[in-house]
Amino acid sequence: MYARDVSKKTKAAKKAKARDGQFIGSKASFGYKIDPADRHHLIVDEPAAQVVKRIFRLAAEGIGYNKMAKMFR
């Protein structure tokens, strides 16, 4: 019973943080980094963000992922 109660409270806390827009993961997605001042906030990693923007631009031009991978190698 205790484990079930703790599980419900943990899930409720994570949902509340997500609803508030806080980052609850352990690693940031490519193009972002965790803010050193607040671990629940992400900041843009500019060098990686340029790569992400280029990937989306190439995809919008109709270039497939195989050709993109060759370009980035």
Protein backbone atom coordinates (compact mmCIF):
# COMPACT_ATOMS: atom_id res chain seq x y z
CA MET A 1 0.00 0.00 0.00
CA TYR A 2 2.83 2.38 0.88
CA ALA A 3 4.62 1.78 -2.45
CA ARG A 4 1.42 2.44 -4.39
CA ASP A 5 0.83 5.69 -2.49
CA VAL A 6 4.39 6.88 -3.13
CA SER A 7 4.02 6.01 -6.81
CA LYS A 8 0.83 8.07 -7.13
CA LYS A 9 2.45 11.06 -5.40
CA THR A 10 5.53 10.84 -7.62
CA LYS A 11 3.43 10.71 -10.79
CA ALA A 12 1.31 13.63 -9.61
CA ALA A 13 4.42 15.71 -8.87
CA LYS A 14 5.91 14.98 -12.32
CA LYS A 15 2.63 15.86 -14.05
CA ALA A 16 2.44 19.13 -12.12
CA LYS A 17 6.01 20.08 -13.11
CA ALA A 18 5.31 19.21 -16.75
CA ARG A 19 2.10 21.24 -16.66
CA ASP A 20 4.11 24.21 -15.37
CA GLY A 21 6.52 23.83 -18.29
CA GLN A 22 9.47 22.61 -16.24
CA PHE A 23 11.97 20.14 -17.68
CA ILE A 24 11.77 16.82 -15.83
CA GLY A 25 14.10 14.63 -17.89
CA SER A 26 17.65 13.59 -17.10
CA LYS A 27 19.29 14.65 -20.37
CA ALA A 28 18.39 17.56 -22.60
CA SER A 29 17.52 16.98 -26.25
CA PHE A 30 20.11 17.77 -28.90
CA GLY A 31 20.22 21.53 -29.40
CA TYR A 32 19.49 22.32 -25.74
CA LYS A 33 21.39 22.15 -22.49
CA ILE A 34 20.25 22.20 -18.89
CA ASP A 35 20.53 25.61 -17.24
CA PRO A 36 23.24 25.43 -14.54
CA ALA A 37 21.24 27.79 -12.32
CA ASP A 38 17.95 25.84 -12.61
CA ARG A 39 17.93 22.16 -13.58
CA HIS A 40 14.24 22.38 -14.54
CA HIS A 41 14.95 24.93 -17.28
CA LEU A 42 16.52 24.37 -20.71
CA ILE A 43 18.62 26.86 -22.62
CA VAL A 44 19.53 26.78 -26.30
CA ASP A 45 22.95 25.34 -27.17
CA GLU A 46 23.80 27.60 -30.13
CA PRO A 47 26.32 25.39 -32.01
CA ALA A 48 24.02 22.37 -31.79
CA ALA A 49 20.96 24.50 -32.60
CA GLN A 50 22.58 25.50 -35.91
CA VAL A 51 22.89 21.81 -36.81
CA VAL A 52 19.24 21.20 -35.91
CA LYS A 53 18.14 24.18 -38.02
CA ARG A 54 20.18 22.87 -40.94
CA ILE A 55 18.59 19.41 -40.61
CA PHE A 56 15.10 20.89 -40.70
CA ARG A 57 15.99 23.12 -43.64
CA LEU A 58 17.34 20.13 -45.60
CA ALA A 59 14.24 18.08 -44.74
CA ALA A 60 12.01 20.92 -45.96
CA GLU A 61 13.93 20.87 -49.24
CA GLY A 62 13.05 17.19 -49.60
CA ILE A 63 16.45 15.70 -48.84
CA GLY A 64 16.23 12.25 -47.24
CA TYR A 65 17.92 11.17 -44.04
CA ASN A 66 20.47 8.94 -45.84
CA LYS A 67 21.72 11.83 -47.96
CA MET A 68 21.73 14.11 -44.89
CA ALA A 69 23.85 11.59 -42.99
CA LYS A 70 26.36 11.49 -45.84
CA MET A 71 26.46 15.30 -45.90
CA PHE A 72 27.17 15.51 -42.18
CA ARG A 73 29.91 12.89 -42.29
